[in-house]
Amino acid sequence: MTKRPGHASRADAQRNRGRILEVAGKAFSEIGAHVPLDDIARSAGIGNATLYRHFATRDLLLKAVYDERIDQLAAAATVQAVGTAEQQLLDWLAHLVGFLTRDRGLHDAYRELDDAEIAKRWQATLRRAARPLVAAAVRAGSLPKTFKFDELMTLMHGIAVAAGGDVRQARRLLQLAAKGFIGRRKR
């Protein structure tokens, strides 16, 4: 079977898609979600038409990049960590706040995506992943029973913004904040 001129093979198309996601992910993280798609295509070594064949809109590209990253964050919550339930939760929160601090594009994606359902889906993915860590910390008495995941996510976002891109500062702020919500039993 001969390939028609101008048509990429399935393997080429998959390589192109992977390259687009890699380059877009890096650009979104470093610059933000507003990076021109033409710049992404050029950096990926492909033409604009190839990028748009894979991702017809910026929203579709943002969703693809951040669906993968949210899944990675969720998977990190399930990694068997050593230490107490409190330490396992803090380890995951340090991973989460590091990601939120480094990745400029995620904040933009939440604001820019026309599809509000995607933000809800991402939150639900993280909530499901963190639920066992939070439940174990509550059972161990490290978190109050009235603890709310959404409040924790708001705090992590606030820490990331306050750290201004400095991951070490974000982790230090997390340590300070954790003193207020970890290990405090409701009286």
N, C-alpha and C. Protein backbone atom coordinates (compact mmCIF):
# COMPACT_ATOMS: atom_id res chain seq x y z
N MET A 1 0.85 -1.18 0.00
CA MET A 1 0.00 0.00 0.00
C MET A 1 0.89 1.23 0.00
N THR A 2 0.61 2.16 -0.88
CA THR A 2 1.42 3.36 -0.96
C THR A 2 0.74 4.48 -0.20
N LYS A 3 1.57 5.30 0.33
CA LYS A 3 1.08 6.45 1.08
C LYS A 3 0.80 7.58 0.10
N ARG A 4 -0.33 8.25 0.26
CA ARG A 4 -0.65 9.38 -0.60
C ARG A 4 0.25 10.54 -0.23
N PRO A 5 0.72 11.30 -1.20
CA PRO A 5 1.56 12.45 -0.90
C PRO A 5 0.80 13.43 0.00
N GLY A 6 1.51 13.97 0.96
CA GLY A 6 0.91 14.97 1.84
C GLY A 6 0.18 14.39 3.04
N HIS A 7 0.04 13.07 3.13
CA HIS A 7 -0.65 12.47 4.27
C HIS A 7 0.35 11.75 5.16
N ALA A 8 0.30 12.05 6.42
CA ALA A 8 1.20 11.42 7.38
C ALA A 8 0.70 10.03 7.73
N SER A 9 1.63 9.14 7.99
CA SER A 9 1.24 7.82 8.46
C SER A 9 0.72 7.95 9.88
N ARG A 10 0.06 6.90 10.35
CA ARG A 10 -0.47 6.90 11.72
C ARG A 10 0.66 7.13 12.71
N ALA A 11 1.82 6.50 12.51
CA ALA A 11 2.96 6.67 13.42
C ALA A 11 3.45 8.12 13.40
N ASP A 12 3.49 8.73 12.20
CA ASP A 12 3.90 10.14 12.11
C ASP A 12 2.90 11.03 12.85
N ALA A 13 1.63 10.74 12.67
CA ALA A 13 0.59 11.54 13.33
C ALA A 13 0.71 11.43 14.85
N GLN A 14 0.97 10.22 15.34
CA GLN A 14 1.12 10.04 16.79
C GLN A 14 2.37 10.76 17.31
N ARG A 15 3.46 10.69 16.54
CA ARG A 15 4.68 11.42 16.93
C ARG A 15 4.42 12.92 16.97
N ASN A 16 3.74 13.42 15.94
CA ASN A 16 3.43 14.85 15.89
C ASN A 16 2.57 15.27 17.08
N ARG A 17 1.56 14.48 17.37
CA ARG A 17 0.67 14.79 18.49
C ARG A 17 1.46 14.81 19.80
N GLY A 18 2.31 13.81 20.00
CA GLY A 18 3.14 13.76 21.20
C GLY A 18 4.08 14.95 21.30
N ARG A 19 4.65 15.33 20.17
CA ARG A 19 5.57 16.48 20.15
C ARG A 19 4.81 17.77 20.46
N ILE A 20 3.63 17.92 19.90
CA ILE A 20 2.81 19.11 20.18
C ILE A 20 2.51 19.19 21.67
N LEU A 21 2.08 18.08 22.27
CA LEU A 21 1.75 18.08 23.70
C LEU A 21 2.98 18.40 24.55
N GLU A 22 4.12 17.86 24.17
CA GLU A 22 5.36 18.11 24.91
C GLU A 22 5.73 19.60 24.85
N VAL A 23 5.75 20.15 23.65
CA VAL A 23 6.14 21.55 23.47
C VAL A 23 5.09 22.48 24.10
N ALA A 24 3.82 22.18 23.88
CA ALA A 24 2.76 23.03 24.45
C ALA A 24 2.81 22.98 25.97
N GLY A 25 3.01 21.80 26.54
CA GLY A 25 3.10 21.69 27.99
C GLY A 25 4.21 22.54 28.56
N LYS A 26 5.35 22.50 27.92
CA LYS A 26 6.49 23.30 28.38
C LYS A 26 6.18 24.80 28.23
N ALA A 27 5.64 25.18 27.09
CA ALA A 27 5.32 26.59 26.85
C ALA A 27 4.24 27.09 27.81
N PHE A 28 3.20 26.30 28.03
CA PHE A 28 2.15 26.71 28.96
C PHE A 28 2.72 26.88 30.36
N SER A 29 3.58 25.96 30.77
CA SER A 29 4.17 26.04 32.11
C SER A 29 5.03 27.28 32.28
N GLU A 30 5.86 27.56 31.28
CA GLU A 30 6.83 28.65 31.40
C GLU A 30 6.26 30.02 31.10
N ILE A 31 5.35 30.09 30.12
CA ILE A 31 4.86 31.38 29.64
C ILE A 31 3.42 31.63 30.09
N GLY A 32 2.61 30.60 30.03
CA GLY A 32 1.19 30.71 30.35
C GLY A 32 0.36 30.21 29.19
N ALA A 33 -0.92 30.10 29.42
CA ALA A 33 -1.83 29.52 28.43
C ALA A 33 -2.03 30.41 27.21
N HIS A 34 -1.60 31.65 27.29
CA HIS A 34 -1.80 32.58 26.19
C HIS A 34 -0.72 32.49 25.11
N VAL A 35 0.28 31.63 25.27
CA VAL A 35 1.36 31.51 24.28
C VAL A 35 0.75 31.28 22.90
N PRO A 36 1.24 31.98 21.88
CA PRO A 36 0.66 31.81 20.54
C PRO A 36 0.82 30.37 20.03
N LEU A 37 -0.25 29.84 19.47
CA LEU A 37 -0.22 28.48 18.95
C LEU A 37 0.77 28.35 17.79
N ASP A 38 0.96 29.43 17.03
CA ASP A 38 1.95 29.41 15.96
C ASP A 38 3.35 29.17 16.52
N ASP A 39 3.64 29.74 17.68
CA ASP A 39 4.95 29.53 18.33
C ASP A 39 5.10 28.07 18.75
N ILE A 40 4.02 27.48 19.24
CA ILE A 40 4.06 26.07 19.64
C ILE A 40 4.34 25.20 18.41
N ALA A 41 3.64 25.46 17.31
CA ALA A 41 3.85 24.68 16.09
C ALA A 41 5.29 24.82 15.62
N ARG A 42 5.80 26.03 15.60
CA ARG A 42 7.17 26.27 15.15
C ARG A 42 8.17 25.54 16.05
N SER A 43 7.99 25.63 17.36
CA SER A 43 8.90 24.96 18.30
C SER A 43 8.81 23.44 18.19
N ALA A 44 7.64 22.93 17.82
CA ALA A 44 7.46 21.49 17.67
C ALA A 44 8.01 20.99 16.33
N GLY A 45 8.37 21.94 15.46
CA GLY A 45 8.91 21.55 14.15
C GLY A 45 7.85 21.06 13.19
N ILE A 46 6.64 21.58 13.35
CA ILE A 46 5.54 21.18 12.47
C ILE A 46 4.86 22.43 11.92
N GLY A 47 4.02 22.25 10.95
CA GLY A 47 3.26 23.36 10.41
C GLY A 47 2.01 23.64 11.23
N ASN A 48 1.48 24.85 11.06
CA ASN A 48 0.25 25.23 11.77
C ASN A 48 -0.90 24.28 11.45
N ALA A 49 -0.98 23.87 10.20
CA ALA A 49 -2.09 22.99 9.80
C ALA A 49 -2.03 21.67 10.57
N THR A 50 -0.83 21.17 10.80
CA THR A 50 -0.69 19.92 11.55
C THR A 50 -1.16 20.11 12.98
N LEU A 51 -0.78 21.22 13.60
CA LEU A 51 -1.24 21.49 14.97
C LEU A 51 -2.77 21.55 15.00
N TYR A 52 -3.36 22.30 14.07
CA TYR A 52 -4.81 22.46 14.08
C TYR A 52 -5.55 21.18 13.69
N ARG A 53 -4.91 20.29 12.95
CA ARG A 53 -5.53 18.99 12.66
C ARG A 53 -5.68 18.18 13.95
N HIS A 54 -4.69 18.29 14.83
CA HIS A 54 -4.73 17.56 16.09
C HIS A 54 -5.57 18.29 17.14
N PHE A 55 -5.45 19.61 17.19
CA PHE A 55 -6.13 20.42 18.21
C PHE A 55 -6.73 21.64 17.51
N ALA A 56 -8.00 21.55 17.18
CA ALA A 56 -8.65 22.60 16.40
C ALA A 56 -8.73 23.94 17.14
N THR A 57 -8.67 23.90 18.47
CA THR A 57 -8.75 25.14 19.25
C THR A 57 -7.73 25.11 20.39
N ARG A 58 -7.44 26.27 20.91
CA ARG A 58 -6.56 26.38 22.08
C ARG A 58 -7.15 25.60 23.26
N ASP A 59 -8.47 25.69 23.44
CA ASP A 59 -9.11 24.96 24.54
C ASP A 59 -8.84 23.46 24.46
N LEU A 60 -8.92 22.89 23.27
CA LEU A 60 -8.67 21.46 23.12
C LEU A 60 -7.22 21.12 23.47
N LEU A 61 -6.29 21.99 23.10
CA LEU A 61 -4.89 21.75 23.44
C LEU A 61 -4.66 21.90 24.94
N LEU A 62 -5.25 22.93 25.54
CA LEU A 62 -5.14 23.11 27.00
C LEU A 62 -5.71 21.90 27.73
N LYS A 63 -6.87 21.44 27.31
CA LYS A 63 -7.49 20.27 27.95
C LYS A 63 -6.59 19.05 27.85
N ALA A 64 -6.03 18.82 26.67
CA ALA A 64 -5.19 17.64 26.49
C ALA A 64 -3.95 17.70 27.38
N VAL A 65 -3.31 18.86 27.43
CA VAL A 65 -2.10 19.01 28.26
C VAL A 65 -2.44 18.83 29.73
N TYR A 66 -3.48 19.52 30.19
CA TYR A 66 -3.77 19.51 31.62
C TYR A 66 -4.56 18.28 32.07
N ASP A 67 -5.27 17.62 31.17
CA ASP A 67 -5.85 16.32 31.54
C ASP A 67 -4.72 15.38 31.95
N GLU A 68 -3.66 15.37 31.17
CA GLU A 68 -2.52 14.50 31.46
C GLU A 68 -1.85 14.91 32.77
N ARG A 69 -1.67 16.19 32.98
CA ARG A 69 -0.98 16.65 34.19
C ARG A 69 -1.82 16.43 35.45
N ILE A 70 -3.10 16.63 35.36
CA ILE A 70 -3.98 16.39 36.51
C ILE A 70 -3.95 14.90 36.85
N ASP A 71 -3.97 14.06 35.82
CA ASP A 71 -3.87 12.62 36.06
C ASP A 71 -2.56 12.26 36.75
N GLN A 72 -1.47 12.92 36.37
CA GLN A 72 -0.18 12.68 37.02
C GLN A 72 -0.21 13.12 38.49
N LEU A 73 -0.83 14.26 38.75
CA LEU A 73 -0.96 14.72 40.14
C LEU A 73 -1.79 13.74 40.96
N ALA A 74 -2.86 13.26 40.35
CA ALA A 74 -3.71 12.29 41.05
C ALA A 74 -2.93 11.00 41.31
N ALA A 75 -2.18 10.55 40.34
CA ALA A 75 -1.40 9.32 40.51
C ALA A 75 -0.37 9.48 41.62
N ALA A 76 0.19 10.68 41.77
CA ALA A 76 1.17 10.92 42.83
C ALA A 76 0.55 10.74 44.21
N ALA A 77 -0.74 10.95 44.33
CA ALA A 77 -1.41 10.78 45.63
C ALA A 77 -1.53 9.31 46.00
N THR A 78 -1.47 8.44 45.02
CA THR A 78 -1.65 7.02 45.29
C THR A 78 -0.33 6.29 45.51
N VAL A 79 0.77 6.99 45.30
CA VAL A 79 2.08 6.37 45.52
C VAL A 79 2.22 6.05 47.00
N GLN A 80 2.68 4.84 47.28
CA GLN A 80 2.84 4.43 48.67
C GLN A 80 4.02 5.18 49.27
N ALA A 81 3.72 6.14 50.11
CA ALA A 81 4.76 6.91 50.77
C ALA A 81 5.09 6.27 52.11
N VAL A 82 6.23 6.61 52.62
CA VAL A 82 6.62 6.11 53.94
C VAL A 82 6.20 7.15 54.97
N GLY A 83 6.07 6.72 56.18
CA GLY A 83 5.74 7.64 57.25
C GLY A 83 4.29 7.57 57.65
N THR A 84 3.94 8.49 58.50
CA THR A 84 2.59 8.56 59.05
C THR A 84 1.60 9.05 58.00
N ALA A 85 0.34 8.93 58.31
CA ALA A 85 -0.71 9.45 57.42
C ALA A 85 -0.51 10.96 57.21
N GLU A 86 -0.13 11.63 58.27
CA GLU A 86 0.14 13.07 58.20
C GLU A 86 1.27 13.35 57.21
N GLN A 87 2.35 12.57 57.30
CA GLN A 87 3.50 12.79 56.41
C GLN A 87 3.16 12.47 54.97
N GLN A 88 2.37 11.43 54.75
CA GLN A 88 1.97 11.08 53.38
C GLN A 88 1.15 12.21 52.77
N LEU A 89 0.23 12.78 53.54
CA LEU A 89 -0.56 13.90 53.05
C LEU A 89 0.34 15.09 52.76
N LEU A 90 1.23 15.41 53.68
CA LEU A 90 2.13 16.55 53.47
C LEU A 90 3.04 16.35 52.27
N ASP A 91 3.50 15.11 52.06
CA ASP A 91 4.34 14.83 50.88
C ASP A 91 3.58 15.12 49.59
N TRP A 92 2.31 14.67 49.54
CA TRP A 92 1.52 14.91 48.34
C TRP A 92 1.22 16.40 48.17
N LEU A 93 0.92 17.08 49.27
CA LEU A 93 0.66 18.52 49.19
C LEU A 93 1.89 19.28 48.72
N ALA A 94 3.07 18.86 49.15
CA ALA A 94 4.31 19.49 48.68
C ALA A 94 4.46 19.28 47.18
N HIS A 95 4.13 18.08 46.70
CA HIS A 95 4.18 17.79 45.27
C HIS A 95 3.17 18.69 44.53
N LEU A 96 1.97 18.77 45.06
CA LEU A 96 0.91 19.57 44.45
C LEU A 96 1.27 21.05 44.41
N VAL A 97 1.72 21.59 45.54
CA VAL A 97 2.02 23.02 45.58
C VAL A 97 3.25 23.33 44.71
N GLY A 98 4.18 22.39 44.61
CA GLY A 98 5.31 22.58 43.70
C GLY A 98 4.84 22.68 42.26
N PHE A 99 3.93 21.80 41.88
CA PHE A 99 3.38 21.83 40.53
C PHE A 99 2.64 23.14 40.28
N LEU A 100 1.77 23.52 41.21
CA LEU A 100 0.98 24.74 41.04
C LEU A 100 1.87 25.98 40.96
N THR A 101 2.98 25.95 41.65
CA THR A 101 3.90 27.09 41.66
C THR A 101 4.67 27.17 40.35
N ARG A 102 5.11 26.02 39.85
CA ARG A 102 5.92 26.00 38.62
C ARG A 102 5.10 26.23 37.36
N ASP A 103 3.86 25.81 37.34
CA ASP A 103 3.09 25.77 36.11
C ASP A 103 2.16 26.97 35.98
N ARG A 104 2.59 27.95 35.22
CA ARG A 104 1.78 29.16 35.02
C ARG A 104 0.50 28.88 34.23
N GLY A 105 0.57 27.92 33.35
CA GLY A 105 -0.55 27.66 32.44
C GLY A 105 -1.79 27.11 33.10
N LEU A 106 -1.64 26.37 34.20
CA LEU A 106 -2.82 25.77 34.83
C LEU A 106 -3.76 26.85 35.35
N HIS A 107 -3.20 27.87 35.99
CA HIS A 107 -4.04 28.97 36.48
C HIS A 107 -4.77 29.64 35.31
N ASP A 108 -4.02 29.87 34.21
CA ASP A 108 -4.63 30.47 33.03
C ASP A 108 -5.71 29.56 32.46
N ALA A 109 -5.43 28.27 32.42
CA ALA A 109 -6.39 27.32 31.84
C ALA A 109 -7.70 27.37 32.60
N TYR A 110 -7.63 27.41 33.91
CA TYR A 110 -8.86 27.50 34.71
C TYR A 110 -9.66 28.75 34.34
N ARG A 111 -8.96 29.86 34.11
CA ARG A 111 -9.64 31.12 33.79
C ARG A 111 -10.11 31.18 32.34
N GLU A 112 -9.31 30.64 31.42
CA GLU A 112 -9.56 30.85 30.00
C GLU A 112 -10.46 29.82 29.34
N LEU A 113 -10.52 28.62 29.87
CA LEU A 113 -11.31 27.60 29.20
C LEU A 113 -12.79 27.97 29.20
N ASP A 114 -13.40 27.84 28.04
CA ASP A 114 -14.83 28.12 27.92
C ASP A 114 -15.67 27.04 28.60
N ASP A 115 -15.08 25.89 28.80
CA ASP A 115 -15.78 24.73 29.35
C ASP A 115 -15.59 24.66 30.86
N ALA A 116 -16.55 25.15 31.64
CA ALA A 116 -16.44 25.14 33.10
C ALA A 116 -16.44 23.72 33.65
N GLU A 117 -16.99 22.79 32.88
CA GLU A 117 -17.04 21.40 33.33
C GLU A 117 -15.65 20.79 33.48
N ILE A 118 -14.71 21.25 32.68
CA ILE A 118 -13.36 20.68 32.75
C ILE A 118 -12.74 21.00 34.11
N ALA A 119 -12.91 22.20 34.60
CA ALA A 119 -12.36 22.56 35.92
C ALA A 119 -13.00 21.70 37.01
N LYS A 120 -14.29 21.46 36.89
CA LYS A 120 -14.97 20.60 37.85
C LYS A 120 -14.43 19.17 37.78
N ARG A 121 -14.18 18.71 36.56
CA ARG A 121 -13.65 17.35 36.38
C ARG A 121 -12.24 17.24 36.96
N TRP A 122 -11.42 18.26 36.73
CA TRP A 122 -10.06 18.24 37.29
C TRP A 122 -10.10 18.24 38.81
N GLN A 123 -10.98 19.07 39.38
CA GLN A 123 -11.13 19.11 40.84
C GLN A 123 -11.59 17.75 41.37
N ALA A 124 -12.55 17.15 40.68
CA ALA A 124 -13.06 15.85 41.10
C ALA A 124 -11.97 14.78 41.04
N THR A 125 -11.14 14.83 40.02
CA THR A 125 -10.03 13.87 39.89
C THR A 125 -9.08 14.01 41.07
N LEU A 126 -8.71 15.24 41.41
CA LEU A 126 -7.80 15.47 42.54
C LEU A 126 -8.47 15.10 43.86
N ARG A 127 -9.75 15.41 43.99
CA ARG A 127 -10.48 15.07 45.22
C ARG A 127 -10.50 13.56 45.44
N ARG A 128 -10.82 12.80 44.38
CA ARG A 128 -10.84 11.33 44.49
C ARG A 128 -9.46 10.80 44.86
N ALA A 129 -8.43 11.37 44.28
CA ALA A 129 -7.07 10.90 44.54
C ALA A 129 -6.63 11.21 45.97
N ALA A 130 -7.01 12.39 46.45
CA ALA A 130 -6.58 12.81 47.79
C ALA A 130 -7.45 12.24 48.90
N ARG A 131 -8.65 11.78 48.56
CA ARG A 131 -9.59 11.28 49.58
C ARG A 131 -8.95 10.27 50.53
N PRO A 132 -8.23 9.24 50.05
CA PRO A 132 -7.64 8.29 50.99
C PRO A 132 -6.59 8.93 51.91
N LEU A 133 -5.82 9.87 51.38
CA LEU A 133 -4.81 10.55 52.20
C LEU A 133 -5.48 11.39 53.29
N VAL A 134 -6.51 12.12 52.90
CA VAL A 134 -7.22 12.96 53.85
C VAL A 134 -7.93 12.09 54.88
N ALA A 135 -8.59 11.03 54.43
CA ALA A 135 -9.32 10.14 55.36
C ALA A 135 -8.35 9.50 56.36
N ALA A 136 -7.19 9.09 55.91
CA ALA A 136 -6.20 8.49 56.81
C ALA A 136 -5.71 9.52 57.83
N ALA A 137 -5.51 10.75 57.39
CA ALA A 137 -5.06 11.81 58.30
C ALA A 137 -6.16 12.15 59.30
N VAL A 138 -7.42 12.12 58.89
CA VAL A 138 -8.54 12.37 59.82
C VAL A 138 -8.61 11.23 60.83
N ARG A 139 -8.52 9.99 60.36
CA ARG A 139 -8.55 8.83 61.27
C ARG A 139 -7.42 8.88 62.28
N ALA A 140 -6.26 9.35 61.84
CA ALA A 140 -5.09 9.43 62.73
C ALA A 140 -5.17 10.62 63.68
N GLY A 141 -6.17 11.47 63.48
CA GLY A 141 -6.31 12.64 64.34
C GLY A 141 -5.46 13.82 63.90
N SER A 142 -4.85 13.73 62.73
CA SER A 142 -4.01 14.82 62.22
C SER A 142 -4.81 15.93 61.57
N LEU A 143 -6.02 15.63 61.14
CA LEU A 143 -6.91 16.63 60.56
C LEU A 143 -8.24 16.57 61.29
N PRO A 144 -8.91 17.71 61.42
CA PRO A 144 -10.23 17.68 62.04
C PRO A 144 -11.25 16.97 61.13
N LYS A 145 -12.26 16.39 61.73
CA LYS A 145 -13.29 15.70 60.96
C LYS A 145 -14.06 16.64 60.05
N THR A 146 -14.05 17.92 60.36
CA THR A 146 -14.77 18.91 59.57
C THR A 146 -13.93 19.43 58.40
N PHE A 147 -12.78 18.86 58.19
CA PHE A 147 -11.85 19.28 57.15
C PHE A 147 -12.51 19.20 55.78
N LYS A 148 -12.33 20.24 54.95
CA LYS A 148 -12.93 20.29 53.61
C LYS A 148 -11.83 20.36 52.56
N PHE A 149 -11.89 19.46 51.60
CA PHE A 149 -10.90 19.38 50.54
C PHE A 149 -10.84 20.69 49.74
N ASP A 150 -11.99 21.28 49.42
CA ASP A 150 -12.00 22.50 48.63
C ASP A 150 -11.26 23.64 49.33
N GLU A 151 -11.35 23.68 50.65
CA GLU A 151 -10.60 24.69 51.40
C GLU A 151 -9.09 24.45 51.28
N LEU A 152 -8.72 23.19 51.31
CA LEU A 152 -7.31 22.84 51.16
C LEU A 152 -6.81 23.25 49.78
N MET A 153 -7.58 23.00 48.74
CA MET A 153 -7.18 23.37 47.38
C MET A 153 -7.05 24.89 47.25
N THR A 154 -7.97 25.62 47.87
CA THR A 154 -7.88 27.08 47.85
C THR A 154 -6.59 27.54 48.53
N LEU A 155 -6.26 26.92 49.66
CA LEU A 155 -5.03 27.26 50.37
C LEU A 155 -3.81 26.94 49.52
N MET A 156 -3.79 25.78 48.84
CA MET A 156 -2.64 25.41 48.01
C MET A 156 -2.48 26.39 46.85
N HIS A 157 -3.59 26.79 46.26
CA HIS A 157 -3.55 27.77 45.18
C HIS A 157 -3.00 29.10 45.70
N GLY A 158 -3.48 29.52 46.87
CA GLY A 158 -3.00 30.77 47.47
C GLY A 158 -1.51 30.73 47.76
N ILE A 159 -1.03 29.61 48.25
CA ILE A 159 0.40 29.45 48.52
C ILE A 159 1.20 29.55 47.22
N ALA A 160 0.72 28.89 46.19
CA ALA A 160 1.42 28.92 44.90
C ALA A 160 1.49 30.33 44.35
N VAL A 161 0.40 31.06 44.42
CA VAL A 161 0.39 32.44 43.93
C VAL A 161 1.31 33.32 44.78
N ALA A 162 1.23 33.16 46.10
CA ALA A 162 2.06 33.98 46.99
C ALA A 162 3.55 33.70 46.79
N ALA A 163 3.90 32.49 46.41
CA ALA A 163 5.31 32.13 46.22
C ALA A 163 5.90 32.73 44.95
N GLY A 164 5.05 33.21 44.06
CA GLY A 164 5.53 33.91 42.88
C GLY A 164 6.47 33.09 42.00
N GLY A 165 6.23 31.81 41.86
CA GLY A 165 7.05 30.98 41.00
C GLY A 165 8.24 30.33 41.69
N ASP A 166 8.46 30.63 42.95
CA ASP A 166 9.59 30.07 43.71
C ASP A 166 9.11 28.82 44.47
N VAL A 167 9.49 27.65 43.98
CA VAL A 167 9.02 26.40 44.56
C VAL A 167 9.51 26.24 46.01
N ARG A 168 10.75 26.63 46.28
CA ARG A 168 11.25 26.52 47.66
C ARG A 168 10.43 27.39 48.60
N GLN A 169 10.08 28.59 48.17
CA GLN A 169 9.25 29.47 48.99
C GLN A 169 7.86 28.86 49.18
N ALA A 170 7.32 28.27 48.14
CA ALA A 170 5.99 27.65 48.24
C ALA A 170 6.02 26.52 49.25
N ARG A 171 7.05 25.70 49.22
CA ARG A 171 7.12 24.59 50.17
C ARG A 171 7.32 25.10 51.59
N ARG A 172 8.05 26.18 51.74
CA ARG A 172 8.21 26.79 53.08
C ARG A 172 6.87 27.32 53.57
N LEU A 173 6.13 27.99 52.71
CA LEU A 173 4.80 28.50 53.09
C LEU A 173 3.87 27.34 53.43
N LEU A 174 3.98 26.23 52.69
CA LEU A 174 3.17 25.05 53.00
C LEU A 174 3.50 24.54 54.39
N GLN A 175 4.77 24.47 54.73
CA GLN A 175 5.17 24.01 56.07
C GLN A 175 4.57 24.91 57.15
N LEU A 176 4.62 26.22 56.91
CA LEU A 176 4.05 27.16 57.89
C LEU A 176 2.54 26.99 58.00
N ALA A 177 1.87 26.88 56.86
CA ALA A 177 0.41 26.72 56.87
C ALA A 177 0.02 25.39 57.51
N ALA A 178 0.78 24.35 57.24
CA ALA A 178 0.45 23.02 57.76
C ALA A 178 0.45 23.01 59.28
N LYS A 179 1.26 23.85 59.88
CA LYS A 179 1.27 23.91 61.34
C LYS A 179 -0.10 24.35 61.88
N GLY A 180 -0.86 25.02 61.02
CA GLY A 180 -2.18 25.47 61.44
C GLY A 180 -3.29 24.47 61.20
N PHE A 181 -3.10 23.55 60.27
CA PHE A 181 -4.19 22.62 59.98
C PHE A 181 -3.84 21.16 60.20
N ILE A 182 -2.57 20.82 60.33
CA ILE A 182 -2.17 19.43 60.59
C ILE A 182 -1.90 19.26 62.08
N GLY A 183 -2.40 18.16 62.60
CA GLY A 183 -2.11 17.83 63.99
C GLY A 183 -2.98 18.57 65.00
N ARG A 184 -3.92 19.33 64.52
CA ARG A 184 -4.81 20.09 65.41
C ARG A 184 -6.13 19.36 65.52
N ARG A 185 -6.40 18.82 66.67
CA ARG A 185 -7.68 18.14 66.88
C ARG A 185 -8.75 19.18 67.22
N LYS A 186 -9.95 18.92 66.73
CA LYS A 186 -11.06 19.81 67.07
C LYS A 186 -11.43 19.60 68.53
N ARG A 187 -11.55 20.68 69.24
CA ARG A 187 -11.85 20.59 70.68
C ARG A 187 -13.32 20.71 70.93
